[in-house]
Amino acid sequence: MHWRDRFKVYWYHRKQTHRWKGDRAKSLGWTNEESQFCRFEVIARATDFEKKSVLDLGCGYGDLFELLDSIYRLQSYTGVDQHSGFLKTAKQKYTEDRCQFIAGDMSKMPLETHDVVIASGSLNYICRDSDYLTNMITRMFDLANQTVIFNLLNSSQYPSRNTLMSYHPQGVYRFCKTLCDDVSLIEGYTEGDFTIVMNKAV
């Protein structure tokens, strides 16, 4: 992501954090905690995380780890985010040896492969690079040993505005099918959102 776009995202969350002190979900840009965890629950049901290594791109406060680890025995969890304030809180809360947090640009920084690669909410930002989404999906697919899961805003219900970009579900689905035969599109769990699951052949 271009540094100007990264700065815009950083500033957006900085303002949200000051505006909604103590409300982690709203600091991350979610409508509320229920909205955030509705998406997390879809991710948790999308594949079997038992004894899997997980890479969470745009992890925020790392709260997806708490949900997944309450259901499955994760092998490891790695959260990546550019916002140092989010990661500071995440490191204080989740101190397990299996859990680590890394600061940086998830679109460019070197990362190791993991069994499951996730992006929840972190691909929704407007970017001056028109190929950003397809490049990120390809990058996630290359980093995943088994499964890629990500959610996006649905353009038919949530028009792009200000900081956030929305997409047509079928268009994203068709692109994912160029990379992978086993692709699922999940809709209907909440208004204005959809989830894509890509399973690699093993």
N, C-alpha and C. Protein backbone atom coordinates (compact mmCIF):
# COMPACT_ATOMS: atom_id res chain seq x y z
N MET A 1 0.85 -1.20 0.00
CA MET A 1 0.00 0.00 0.00
C MET A 1 0.88 1.24 0.00
N HIS A 2 0.49 2.24 -0.78
CA HIS A 2 1.24 3.50 -0.85
C HIS A 2 1.28 4.15 0.54
N TRP A 3 2.40 4.81 0.83
CA TRP A 3 2.56 5.36 2.17
C TRP A 3 1.50 6.41 2.50
N ARG A 4 1.01 7.13 1.48
CA ARG A 4 -0.05 8.11 1.74
C ARG A 4 -1.35 7.42 2.17
N ASP A 5 -1.63 6.28 1.55
CA ASP A 5 -2.82 5.53 1.93
C ASP A 5 -2.67 4.94 3.33
N ARG A 6 -1.47 4.44 3.62
CA ARG A 6 -1.21 3.89 4.95
C ARG A 6 -1.37 4.98 6.01
N PHE A 7 -0.88 6.19 5.71
CA PHE A 7 -0.99 7.29 6.67
C PHE A 7 -2.45 7.66 6.90
N LYS A 8 -3.25 7.65 5.82
CA LYS A 8 -4.67 7.96 5.94
C LYS A 8 -5.37 6.95 6.84
N VAL A 9 -5.03 5.67 6.67
CA VAL A 9 -5.61 4.62 7.52
C VAL A 9 -5.17 4.81 8.97
N TYR A 10 -3.88 5.08 9.14
CA TYR A 10 -3.35 5.30 10.50
C TYR A 10 -4.07 6.47 11.17
N TRP A 11 -4.24 7.57 10.45
CA TRP A 11 -4.88 8.76 11.02
C TRP A 11 -6.35 8.51 11.34
N TYR A 12 -7.01 7.74 10.47
CA TYR A 12 -8.40 7.37 10.70
C TYR A 12 -8.55 6.64 12.04
N HIS A 13 -7.69 5.66 12.27
CA HIS A 13 -7.78 4.89 13.52
C HIS A 13 -7.32 5.71 14.72
N ARG A 14 -6.41 6.61 14.51
CA ARG A 14 -5.99 7.48 15.60
C ARG A 14 -7.17 8.33 16.08
N LYS A 15 -7.91 8.89 15.12
CA LYS A 15 -9.09 9.69 15.48
C LYS A 15 -10.17 8.84 16.13
N GLN A 16 -10.37 7.62 15.59
CA GLN A 16 -11.37 6.73 16.17
C GLN A 16 -11.00 6.36 17.61
N THR A 17 -9.73 6.12 17.86
CA THR A 17 -9.26 5.73 19.19
C THR A 17 -9.49 6.86 20.20
N HIS A 18 -9.22 8.09 19.78
CA HIS A 18 -9.44 9.23 20.68
C HIS A 18 -10.93 9.49 20.88
N ARG A 19 -11.71 9.27 19.84
CA ARG A 19 -13.14 9.52 19.93
C ARG A 19 -13.85 8.49 20.80
N TRP A 20 -13.43 7.23 20.68
CA TRP A 20 -14.12 6.13 21.37
C TRP A 20 -13.20 5.49 22.41
N LYS A 21 -12.68 6.27 23.29
CA LYS A 21 -11.74 5.77 24.29
C LYS A 21 -12.35 4.62 25.07
N GLY A 22 -11.63 3.50 25.10
CA GLY A 22 -12.09 2.34 25.84
C GLY A 22 -12.94 1.38 25.03
N ASP A 23 -13.42 1.80 23.85
CA ASP A 23 -14.23 0.92 23.00
C ASP A 23 -13.35 0.42 21.87
N ARG A 24 -12.81 -0.77 22.05
CA ARG A 24 -11.83 -1.29 21.08
C ARG A 24 -12.46 -1.53 19.71
N ALA A 25 -13.68 -2.02 19.68
CA ALA A 25 -14.33 -2.32 18.40
C ALA A 25 -14.50 -1.04 17.57
N LYS A 26 -14.98 0.03 18.20
CA LYS A 26 -15.18 1.27 17.47
C LYS A 26 -13.85 1.94 17.12
N SER A 27 -12.83 1.74 17.92
CA SER A 27 -11.51 2.25 17.59
C SER A 27 -11.00 1.62 16.30
N LEU A 28 -11.39 0.37 16.06
CA LEU A 28 -10.98 -0.34 14.86
C LEU A 28 -11.87 -0.03 13.66
N GLY A 29 -12.95 0.71 13.89
CA GLY A 29 -13.83 1.09 12.80
C GLY A 29 -15.09 0.26 12.68
N TRP A 30 -15.29 -0.73 13.58
CA TRP A 30 -16.50 -1.53 13.55
C TRP A 30 -17.66 -0.71 14.12
N THR A 31 -18.89 -1.03 13.71
CA THR A 31 -20.06 -0.36 14.25
C THR A 31 -20.17 -0.57 15.75
N ASN A 32 -19.93 -1.81 16.18
CA ASN A 32 -19.93 -2.16 17.59
C ASN A 32 -19.25 -3.53 17.74
N GLU A 33 -19.13 -3.99 18.98
CA GLU A 33 -18.47 -5.27 19.23
C GLU A 33 -19.21 -6.43 18.58
N GLU A 34 -20.54 -6.36 18.57
CA GLU A 34 -21.33 -7.44 17.96
C GLU A 34 -21.04 -7.55 16.47
N SER A 35 -20.88 -6.42 15.81
CA SER A 35 -20.56 -6.41 14.38
C SER A 35 -19.21 -7.06 14.12
N GLN A 36 -18.24 -6.75 14.95
CA GLN A 36 -16.91 -7.33 14.82
C GLN A 36 -16.93 -8.85 15.02
N PHE A 37 -17.60 -9.29 16.08
CA PHE A 37 -17.56 -10.71 16.41
C PHE A 37 -18.50 -11.53 15.53
N CYS A 38 -19.49 -10.89 14.91
CA CYS A 38 -20.29 -11.59 13.91
C CYS A 38 -19.39 -12.07 12.78
N ARG A 39 -18.49 -11.23 12.33
CA ARG A 39 -17.55 -11.59 11.28
C ARG A 39 -16.55 -12.63 11.77
N PHE A 40 -16.09 -12.47 13.01
CA PHE A 40 -15.17 -13.44 13.59
C PHE A 40 -15.79 -14.84 13.64
N GLU A 41 -17.06 -14.90 13.99
CA GLU A 41 -17.73 -16.20 14.10
C GLU A 41 -17.84 -16.89 12.73
N VAL A 42 -18.05 -16.10 11.67
CA VAL A 42 -18.06 -16.68 10.33
C VAL A 42 -16.69 -17.26 10.00
N ILE A 43 -15.65 -16.53 10.35
CA ILE A 43 -14.29 -17.02 10.12
C ILE A 43 -14.03 -18.30 10.90
N ALA A 44 -14.46 -18.33 12.16
CA ALA A 44 -14.21 -19.50 13.00
C ALA A 44 -14.88 -20.75 12.47
N ARG A 45 -16.03 -20.57 11.78
CA ARG A 45 -16.75 -21.72 11.22
C ARG A 45 -16.29 -22.10 9.82
N ALA A 46 -15.45 -21.27 9.22
CA ALA A 46 -15.12 -21.44 7.81
C ALA A 46 -14.16 -22.59 7.54
N THR A 47 -13.38 -22.98 8.55
CA THR A 47 -12.44 -24.09 8.38
C THR A 47 -12.09 -24.66 9.74
N ASP A 48 -11.39 -25.77 9.75
CA ASP A 48 -10.95 -26.39 10.99
C ASP A 48 -9.58 -25.82 11.37
N PHE A 49 -9.54 -25.08 12.47
CA PHE A 49 -8.30 -24.44 12.91
C PHE A 49 -7.49 -25.32 13.88
N GLU A 50 -7.96 -26.51 14.15
CA GLU A 50 -7.30 -27.36 15.15
C GLU A 50 -5.84 -27.62 14.78
N LYS A 51 -4.94 -27.21 15.69
CA LYS A 51 -3.49 -27.40 15.55
C LYS A 51 -2.93 -26.76 14.29
N LYS A 52 -3.54 -25.65 13.88
CA LYS A 52 -3.09 -24.93 12.69
C LYS A 52 -2.33 -23.67 13.09
N SER A 53 -1.42 -23.25 12.22
CA SER A 53 -0.75 -21.95 12.37
C SER A 53 -1.58 -20.91 11.63
N VAL A 54 -1.80 -19.76 12.27
CA VAL A 54 -2.70 -18.74 11.74
C VAL A 54 -1.94 -17.42 11.57
N LEU A 55 -2.12 -16.80 10.41
CA LEU A 55 -1.58 -15.47 10.14
C LEU A 55 -2.76 -14.52 9.96
N ASP A 56 -2.86 -13.51 10.82
CA ASP A 56 -3.97 -12.56 10.82
C ASP A 56 -3.45 -11.20 10.35
N LEU A 57 -3.79 -10.83 9.11
CA LEU A 57 -3.28 -9.60 8.52
C LEU A 57 -4.23 -8.44 8.83
N GLY A 58 -3.70 -7.44 9.54
CA GLY A 58 -4.54 -6.35 10.03
C GLY A 58 -5.25 -6.79 11.29
N CYS A 59 -4.49 -7.28 12.24
CA CYS A 59 -5.05 -7.97 13.42
C CYS A 59 -5.65 -7.03 14.45
N GLY A 60 -5.35 -5.72 14.37
CA GLY A 60 -5.86 -4.80 15.38
C GLY A 60 -5.36 -5.18 16.77
N TYR A 61 -6.30 -5.38 17.69
CA TYR A 61 -5.96 -5.74 19.07
C TYR A 61 -5.76 -7.24 19.26
N GLY A 62 -5.83 -8.01 18.18
CA GLY A 62 -5.59 -9.45 18.29
C GLY A 62 -6.76 -10.25 18.85
N ASP A 63 -7.95 -9.67 18.85
CA ASP A 63 -9.08 -10.33 19.51
C ASP A 63 -9.55 -11.58 18.79
N LEU A 64 -9.22 -11.73 17.52
CA LEU A 64 -9.59 -12.95 16.81
C LEU A 64 -8.88 -14.16 17.42
N PHE A 65 -7.68 -13.94 17.95
CA PHE A 65 -6.96 -15.04 18.61
C PHE A 65 -7.76 -15.59 19.77
N GLU A 66 -8.35 -14.69 20.57
CA GLU A 66 -9.10 -15.13 21.75
C GLU A 66 -10.27 -16.02 21.36
N LEU A 67 -11.00 -15.64 20.31
CA LEU A 67 -12.14 -16.44 19.88
C LEU A 67 -11.68 -17.79 19.33
N LEU A 68 -10.73 -17.77 18.42
CA LEU A 68 -10.27 -19.03 17.81
C LEU A 68 -9.68 -19.97 18.85
N ASP A 69 -8.92 -19.40 19.78
CA ASP A 69 -8.26 -20.25 20.78
C ASP A 69 -9.23 -20.77 21.82
N SER A 70 -10.41 -20.16 21.92
CA SER A 70 -11.43 -20.68 22.83
C SER A 70 -12.17 -21.88 22.24
N ILE A 71 -12.06 -22.05 20.92
CA ILE A 71 -12.74 -23.15 20.23
C ILE A 71 -11.77 -24.26 19.84
N TYR A 72 -10.60 -23.84 19.35
CA TYR A 72 -9.61 -24.79 18.84
C TYR A 72 -8.32 -24.70 19.65
N ARG A 73 -7.49 -25.71 19.48
CA ARG A 73 -6.13 -25.65 20.02
C ARG A 73 -5.22 -25.23 18.88
N LEU A 74 -4.97 -23.93 18.79
CA LEU A 74 -4.13 -23.42 17.71
C LEU A 74 -2.68 -23.82 17.93
N GLN A 75 -2.01 -24.10 16.83
CA GLN A 75 -0.56 -24.34 16.92
C GLN A 75 0.15 -23.02 17.20
N SER A 76 -0.22 -21.99 16.45
CA SER A 76 0.37 -20.67 16.65
C SER A 76 -0.52 -19.60 16.01
N TYR A 77 -0.35 -18.37 16.48
CA TYR A 77 -1.07 -17.23 15.93
C TYR A 77 -0.10 -16.08 15.76
N THR A 78 -0.06 -15.51 14.55
CA THR A 78 0.78 -14.34 14.27
C THR A 78 -0.11 -13.22 13.78
N GLY A 79 -0.13 -12.11 14.49
CA GLY A 79 -0.92 -10.95 14.10
C GLY A 79 -0.02 -9.86 13.53
N VAL A 80 -0.45 -9.26 12.43
CA VAL A 80 0.31 -8.20 11.78
C VAL A 80 -0.55 -6.95 11.70
N ASP A 81 0.02 -5.79 12.06
CA ASP A 81 -0.71 -4.53 11.95
C ASP A 81 0.30 -3.39 11.86
N GLN A 82 -0.11 -2.29 11.25
CA GLN A 82 0.78 -1.13 11.15
C GLN A 82 0.62 -0.17 12.33
N HIS A 83 -0.44 -0.37 13.12
CA HIS A 83 -0.75 0.56 14.21
C HIS A 83 -0.10 0.08 15.51
N SER A 84 0.95 0.77 15.93
CA SER A 84 1.72 0.34 17.10
C SER A 84 0.89 0.35 18.38
N GLY A 85 -0.08 1.27 18.47
CA GLY A 85 -0.91 1.33 19.66
C GLY A 85 -1.77 0.09 19.81
N PHE A 86 -2.32 -0.39 18.70
CA PHE A 86 -3.10 -1.62 18.74
C PHE A 86 -2.23 -2.78 19.20
N LEU A 87 -1.04 -2.88 18.63
CA LEU A 87 -0.16 -4.01 18.93
C LEU A 87 0.34 -3.97 20.38
N LYS A 88 0.55 -2.79 20.91
CA LYS A 88 0.97 -2.68 22.31
C LYS A 88 -0.08 -3.28 23.23
N THR A 89 -1.35 -2.97 22.97
CA THR A 89 -2.44 -3.53 23.77
C THR A 89 -2.53 -5.03 23.56
N ALA A 90 -2.40 -5.49 22.32
CA ALA A 90 -2.48 -6.91 22.01
C ALA A 90 -1.40 -7.71 22.75
N LYS A 91 -0.18 -7.19 22.76
CA LYS A 91 0.93 -7.88 23.41
C LYS A 91 0.73 -7.97 24.92
N GLN A 92 0.10 -6.93 25.49
CA GLN A 92 -0.16 -6.94 26.93
C GLN A 92 -1.25 -7.93 27.30
N LYS A 93 -2.21 -8.11 26.41
CA LYS A 93 -3.35 -8.98 26.71
C LYS A 93 -3.07 -10.44 26.40
N TYR A 94 -2.41 -10.70 25.29
CA TYR A 94 -2.18 -12.08 24.85
C TYR A 94 -0.70 -12.40 24.94
N THR A 95 -0.34 -13.05 26.01
CA THR A 95 1.08 -13.29 26.31
C THR A 95 1.50 -14.74 26.09
N GLU A 96 0.62 -15.56 25.52
CA GLU A 96 0.96 -16.96 25.28
C GLU A 96 2.15 -17.08 24.33
N ASP A 97 2.97 -18.11 24.54
CA ASP A 97 4.13 -18.32 23.67
C ASP A 97 3.72 -18.57 22.23
N ARG A 98 2.51 -19.11 22.04
CA ARG A 98 2.04 -19.43 20.69
C ARG A 98 1.56 -18.20 19.93
N CYS A 99 1.57 -17.07 20.59
CA CYS A 99 0.97 -15.85 20.04
C CYS A 99 2.03 -14.76 19.89
N GLN A 100 2.17 -14.21 18.67
CA GLN A 100 3.12 -13.12 18.47
C GLN A 100 2.50 -12.04 17.59
N PHE A 101 3.01 -10.81 17.73
CA PHE A 101 2.49 -9.67 16.99
C PHE A 101 3.65 -8.94 16.33
N ILE A 102 3.44 -8.56 15.06
CA ILE A 102 4.49 -7.94 14.26
C ILE A 102 3.96 -6.65 13.65
N ALA A 103 4.76 -5.58 13.73
CA ALA A 103 4.38 -4.30 13.15
C ALA A 103 4.94 -4.18 11.73
N GLY A 104 4.11 -3.64 10.82
CA GLY A 104 4.60 -3.41 9.46
C GLY A 104 3.48 -3.34 8.45
N ASP A 105 3.87 -3.13 7.20
CA ASP A 105 2.93 -3.05 6.08
C ASP A 105 2.66 -4.46 5.58
N MET A 106 1.46 -4.95 5.80
CA MET A 106 1.14 -6.35 5.47
C MET A 106 1.20 -6.63 3.98
N SER A 107 1.19 -5.57 3.16
CA SER A 107 1.22 -5.78 1.71
C SER A 107 2.63 -5.96 1.17
N LYS A 108 3.64 -5.60 1.97
CA LYS A 108 5.01 -5.62 1.46
C LYS A 108 6.01 -6.36 2.34
N MET A 109 5.80 -6.40 3.64
CA MET A 109 6.81 -6.94 4.54
C MET A 109 6.99 -8.44 4.32
N PRO A 110 8.20 -8.94 4.53
CA PRO A 110 8.41 -10.39 4.40
C PRO A 110 7.69 -11.15 5.51
N LEU A 111 6.97 -12.20 5.13
CA LEU A 111 6.20 -12.99 6.08
C LEU A 111 6.37 -14.47 5.77
N GLU A 112 6.35 -15.29 6.80
CA GLU A 112 6.44 -16.73 6.62
C GLU A 112 5.08 -17.30 6.27
N THR A 113 5.06 -18.45 5.62
CA THR A 113 3.79 -19.11 5.30
C THR A 113 3.16 -19.66 6.58
N HIS A 114 1.84 -19.72 6.58
CA HIS A 114 1.05 -20.29 7.68
C HIS A 114 -0.03 -21.18 7.08
N ASP A 115 -0.60 -22.04 7.92
CA ASP A 115 -1.65 -22.92 7.43
C ASP A 115 -2.87 -22.12 6.97
N VAL A 116 -3.28 -21.15 7.79
CA VAL A 116 -4.46 -20.34 7.49
C VAL A 116 -4.08 -18.87 7.52
N VAL A 117 -4.46 -18.14 6.46
CA VAL A 117 -4.20 -16.70 6.39
C VAL A 117 -5.54 -15.97 6.37
N ILE A 118 -5.68 -14.96 7.24
CA ILE A 118 -6.96 -14.27 7.46
C ILE A 118 -6.77 -12.76 7.30
N ALA A 119 -7.79 -12.11 6.74
CA ALA A 119 -7.87 -10.65 6.77
C ALA A 119 -9.32 -10.28 7.07
N SER A 120 -9.57 -9.78 8.26
CA SER A 120 -10.93 -9.40 8.66
C SER A 120 -11.03 -7.89 8.78
N GLY A 121 -11.64 -7.26 7.79
CA GLY A 121 -11.82 -5.81 7.81
C GLY A 121 -10.64 -5.03 7.26
N SER A 122 -9.47 -5.65 7.15
CA SER A 122 -8.26 -4.92 6.81
C SER A 122 -8.06 -4.70 5.31
N LEU A 123 -8.92 -5.28 4.47
CA LEU A 123 -8.82 -5.06 3.03
C LEU A 123 -9.85 -4.05 2.53
N ASN A 124 -10.52 -3.37 3.46
CA ASN A 124 -11.63 -2.48 3.10
C ASN A 124 -11.22 -1.03 2.87
N TYR A 125 -9.94 -0.71 2.96
CA TYR A 125 -9.53 0.68 2.87
C TYR A 125 -9.30 1.10 1.43
N ILE A 126 -9.69 2.33 1.13
CA ILE A 126 -9.47 2.88 -0.21
C ILE A 126 -7.98 3.03 -0.47
N CYS A 127 -7.56 2.60 -1.65
CA CYS A 127 -6.15 2.64 -2.02
C CYS A 127 -6.02 3.18 -3.44
N ARG A 128 -4.99 3.98 -3.68
CA ARG A 128 -4.81 4.57 -5.02
C ARG A 128 -4.38 3.53 -6.05
N ASP A 129 -3.91 2.39 -5.60
CA ASP A 129 -3.54 1.29 -6.50
C ASP A 129 -4.78 0.46 -6.82
N SER A 130 -5.22 0.51 -8.07
CA SER A 130 -6.45 -0.20 -8.46
C SER A 130 -6.30 -1.71 -8.38
N ASP A 131 -5.08 -2.21 -8.35
CA ASP A 131 -4.83 -3.65 -8.26
C ASP A 131 -4.55 -4.11 -6.84
N TYR A 132 -4.74 -3.22 -5.87
CA TYR A 132 -4.35 -3.56 -4.49
C TYR A 132 -5.07 -4.81 -3.98
N LEU A 133 -6.39 -4.88 -4.17
CA LEU A 133 -7.12 -6.02 -3.64
C LEU A 133 -6.68 -7.32 -4.29
N THR A 134 -6.61 -7.35 -5.61
CA THR A 134 -6.21 -8.59 -6.28
C THR A 134 -4.77 -8.98 -5.93
N ASN A 135 -3.91 -7.98 -5.77
CA ASN A 135 -2.53 -8.28 -5.36
C ASN A 135 -2.49 -8.85 -3.94
N MET A 136 -3.33 -8.31 -3.06
CA MET A 136 -3.36 -8.81 -1.68
C MET A 136 -3.95 -10.22 -1.61
N ILE A 137 -4.98 -10.49 -2.38
CA ILE A 137 -5.55 -11.84 -2.40
C ILE A 137 -4.50 -12.83 -2.89
N THR A 138 -3.78 -12.46 -3.93
CA THR A 138 -2.72 -13.33 -4.46
C THR A 138 -1.63 -13.53 -3.42
N ARG A 139 -1.24 -12.47 -2.74
CA ARG A 139 -0.21 -12.58 -1.68
C ARG A 139 -0.68 -13.50 -0.56
N MET A 140 -1.91 -13.34 -0.14
CA MET A 140 -2.44 -14.20 0.92
C MET A 140 -2.47 -15.66 0.48
N PHE A 141 -2.86 -15.88 -0.77
CA PHE A 141 -2.91 -17.24 -1.30
C PHE A 141 -1.51 -17.86 -1.31
N ASP A 142 -0.51 -17.07 -1.66
CA ASP A 142 0.87 -17.57 -1.67
C ASP A 142 1.39 -17.85 -0.26
N LEU A 143 0.90 -17.10 0.72
CA LEU A 143 1.35 -17.27 2.11
C LEU A 143 0.64 -18.40 2.84
N ALA A 144 -0.45 -18.89 2.26
CA ALA A 144 -1.27 -19.92 2.93
C ALA A 144 -0.86 -21.32 2.48
N ASN A 145 -0.66 -22.19 3.45
CA ASN A 145 -0.43 -23.60 3.14
C ASN A 145 -1.74 -24.31 2.81
N GLN A 146 -2.84 -23.86 3.44
CA GLN A 146 -4.11 -24.57 3.29
C GLN A 146 -5.29 -23.69 2.93
N THR A 147 -5.52 -22.60 3.69
CA THR A 147 -6.77 -21.85 3.57
C THR A 147 -6.54 -20.35 3.68
N VAL A 148 -7.30 -19.61 2.87
CA VAL A 148 -7.36 -18.15 2.96
C VAL A 148 -8.80 -17.75 3.29
N ILE A 149 -8.97 -16.85 4.26
CA ILE A 149 -10.30 -16.35 4.62
C ILE A 149 -10.23 -14.84 4.75
N PHE A 150 -11.12 -14.14 4.05
CA PHE A 150 -11.16 -12.68 4.19
C PHE A 150 -12.58 -12.18 3.98
N ASN A 151 -12.87 -11.03 4.58
CA ASN A 151 -14.18 -10.42 4.39
C ASN A 151 -14.03 -9.03 3.79
N LEU A 152 -15.09 -8.60 3.10
CA LEU A 152 -15.11 -7.31 2.43
C LEU A 152 -16.50 -6.68 2.55
N LEU A 153 -16.56 -5.38 2.33
CA LEU A 153 -17.84 -4.69 2.28
C LEU A 153 -18.50 -4.93 0.93
N ASN A 154 -19.81 -5.13 0.95
CA ASN A 154 -20.59 -5.42 -0.25
C ASN A 154 -21.06 -4.11 -0.90
N SER A 155 -20.63 -3.88 -2.14
CA SER A 155 -20.93 -2.60 -2.80
C SER A 155 -22.42 -2.40 -3.09
N SER A 156 -23.19 -3.48 -3.14
CA SER A 156 -24.62 -3.34 -3.41
C SER A 156 -25.38 -2.82 -2.20
N GLN A 157 -24.77 -2.91 -1.02
CA GLN A 157 -25.43 -2.47 0.21
C GLN A 157 -24.65 -1.38 0.94
N TYR A 158 -23.35 -1.27 0.64
CA TYR A 158 -22.50 -0.30 1.33
C TYR A 158 -21.61 0.39 0.29
N PRO A 159 -22.05 1.51 -0.28
CA PRO A 159 -21.24 2.21 -1.28
C PRO A 159 -19.91 2.68 -0.71
N SER A 160 -18.88 2.69 -1.55
CA SER A 160 -17.57 3.18 -1.11
C SER A 160 -17.68 4.64 -0.70
N ARG A 161 -16.99 5.01 0.39
CA ARG A 161 -17.03 6.39 0.85
C ARG A 161 -15.89 6.66 1.81
N ASN A 162 -15.44 7.89 1.81
CA ASN A 162 -14.41 8.36 2.72
C ASN A 162 -13.18 7.44 2.71
N THR A 163 -13.01 6.68 3.77
CA THR A 163 -11.83 5.83 3.91
C THR A 163 -12.07 4.41 3.41
N LEU A 164 -13.33 4.01 3.28
CA LEU A 164 -13.65 2.60 3.05
C LEU A 164 -14.08 2.30 1.61
N MET A 165 -13.62 1.17 1.11
CA MET A 165 -13.90 0.68 -0.23
C MET A 165 -14.78 -0.56 -0.14
N SER A 166 -15.76 -0.67 -1.03
CA SER A 166 -16.60 -1.86 -1.07
C SER A 166 -16.47 -2.53 -2.43
N TYR A 167 -16.90 -3.81 -2.50
CA TYR A 167 -16.68 -4.61 -3.70
C TYR A 167 -17.91 -5.45 -4.05
N HIS A 168 -17.96 -5.86 -5.31
CA HIS A 168 -19.04 -6.73 -5.76
C HIS A 168 -18.67 -8.18 -5.44
N PRO A 169 -19.45 -8.89 -4.66
CA PRO A 169 -19.09 -10.26 -4.24
C PRO A 169 -18.76 -11.20 -5.39
N GLN A 170 -19.58 -11.20 -6.44
CA GLN A 170 -19.35 -12.13 -7.53
C GLN A 170 -18.07 -11.81 -8.30
N GLY A 171 -17.74 -10.53 -8.40
CA GLY A 171 -16.50 -10.14 -9.06
C GLY A 171 -15.28 -10.65 -8.30
N VAL A 172 -15.30 -10.49 -6.98
CA VAL A 172 -14.20 -10.99 -6.15
C VAL A 172 -14.14 -12.51 -6.22
N TYR A 173 -15.29 -13.14 -6.16
CA TYR A 173 -15.37 -14.61 -6.26
C TYR A 173 -14.74 -15.10 -7.56
N ARG A 174 -15.08 -14.45 -8.67
CA ARG A 174 -14.54 -14.88 -9.97
C ARG A 174 -13.03 -14.74 -10.02
N PHE A 175 -12.50 -13.65 -9.43
CA PHE A 175 -11.03 -13.52 -9.41
C PHE A 175 -10.40 -14.64 -8.59
N CYS A 176 -10.98 -14.94 -7.43
CA CYS A 176 -10.42 -15.99 -6.57
C CYS A 176 -10.43 -17.34 -7.29
N LYS A 177 -11.42 -17.57 -8.12
CA LYS A 177 -11.49 -18.82 -8.87
C LYS A 177 -10.35 -18.95 -9.89
N THR A 178 -9.72 -17.85 -10.27
CA THR A 178 -8.56 -17.94 -11.16
C THR A 178 -7.33 -18.45 -10.43
N LEU A 179 -7.35 -18.38 -9.11
CA LEU A 179 -6.22 -18.85 -8.29
C LEU A 179 -6.47 -20.22 -7.70
N CYS A 180 -7.74 -20.57 -7.51
CA CYS A 180 -8.08 -21.74 -6.69
C CYS A 180 -9.41 -22.32 -7.15
N ASP A 181 -9.49 -23.64 -7.23
CA ASP A 181 -10.74 -24.29 -7.63
C ASP A 181 -11.78 -24.28 -6.52
N ASP A 182 -11.33 -24.43 -5.27
CA ASP A 182 -12.23 -24.56 -4.13
C ASP A 182 -12.42 -23.19 -3.46
N VAL A 183 -13.42 -22.45 -3.91
CA VAL A 183 -13.71 -21.12 -3.37
C VAL A 183 -15.17 -21.06 -2.92
N SER A 184 -15.41 -20.53 -1.72
CA SER A 184 -16.77 -20.37 -1.20
C SER A 184 -17.04 -18.90 -0.95
N LEU A 185 -18.25 -18.47 -1.29
CA LEU A 185 -18.72 -17.12 -1.00
C LEU A 185 -19.81 -17.22 0.06
N ILE A 186 -19.59 -16.54 1.18
CA ILE A 186 -20.54 -16.59 2.29
C ILE A 186 -21.20 -15.23 2.44
N GLU A 187 -22.53 -15.20 2.38
CA GLU A 187 -23.29 -13.96 2.52
C GLU A 187 -24.43 -14.17 3.51
N GLY A 188 -25.10 -13.09 3.86
CA GLY A 188 -26.31 -13.19 4.65
C GLY A 188 -26.13 -13.18 6.15
N TYR A 189 -24.91 -13.15 6.65
CA TYR A 189 -24.69 -13.17 8.10
C TYR A 189 -24.83 -11.80 8.72
N THR A 190 -24.61 -10.75 7.91
CA THR A 190 -24.83 -9.38 8.36
C THR A 190 -24.97 -8.50 7.13
N GLU A 191 -25.64 -7.39 7.27
CA GLU A 191 -25.89 -6.52 6.12
C GLU A 191 -24.59 -5.85 5.66
N GLY A 192 -24.38 -5.85 4.35
CA GLY A 192 -23.28 -5.10 3.78
C GLY A 192 -21.93 -5.75 3.86
N ASP A 193 -21.86 -7.07 4.04
CA ASP A 193 -20.58 -7.74 4.21
C ASP A 193 -20.63 -9.11 3.55
N PHE A 194 -19.48 -9.60 3.08
CA PHE A 194 -19.39 -10.97 2.59
C PHE A 194 -18.00 -11.53 2.89
N THR A 195 -17.92 -12.85 2.93
CA THR A 195 -16.67 -13.53 3.25
C THR A 195 -16.32 -14.51 2.13
N ILE A 196 -15.05 -14.57 1.81
CA ILE A 196 -14.52 -15.51 0.83
C ILE A 196 -13.62 -16.51 1.54
N VAL A 197 -13.78 -17.79 1.20
CA VAL A 197 -12.92 -18.85 1.73
C VAL A 197 -12.29 -19.57 0.55
N MET A 198 -10.97 -19.67 0.54
CA MET A 198 -10.23 -20.35 -0.51
C MET A 198 -9.46 -21.51 0.12
N ASN A 199 -9.72 -22.71 -0.36
CA ASN A 199 -9.06 -23.91 0.15
C ASN A 199 -8.11 -24.47 -0.92
N LYS A 200 -6.84 -24.57 -0.56
CA LYS A 200 -5.87 -25.12 -1.48
C LYS A 200 -5.98 -26.64 -1.55
N ALA A 201 -5.69 -27.18 -2.70
CA ALA A 201 -5.64 -28.64 -2.84
C ALA A 201 -4.42 -29.16 -2.09
N VAL A 202 -4.60 -30.21 -1.30
CA VAL A 202 -3.49 -30.79 -0.53
C VAL A 202 -3.26 -32.23 -0.95
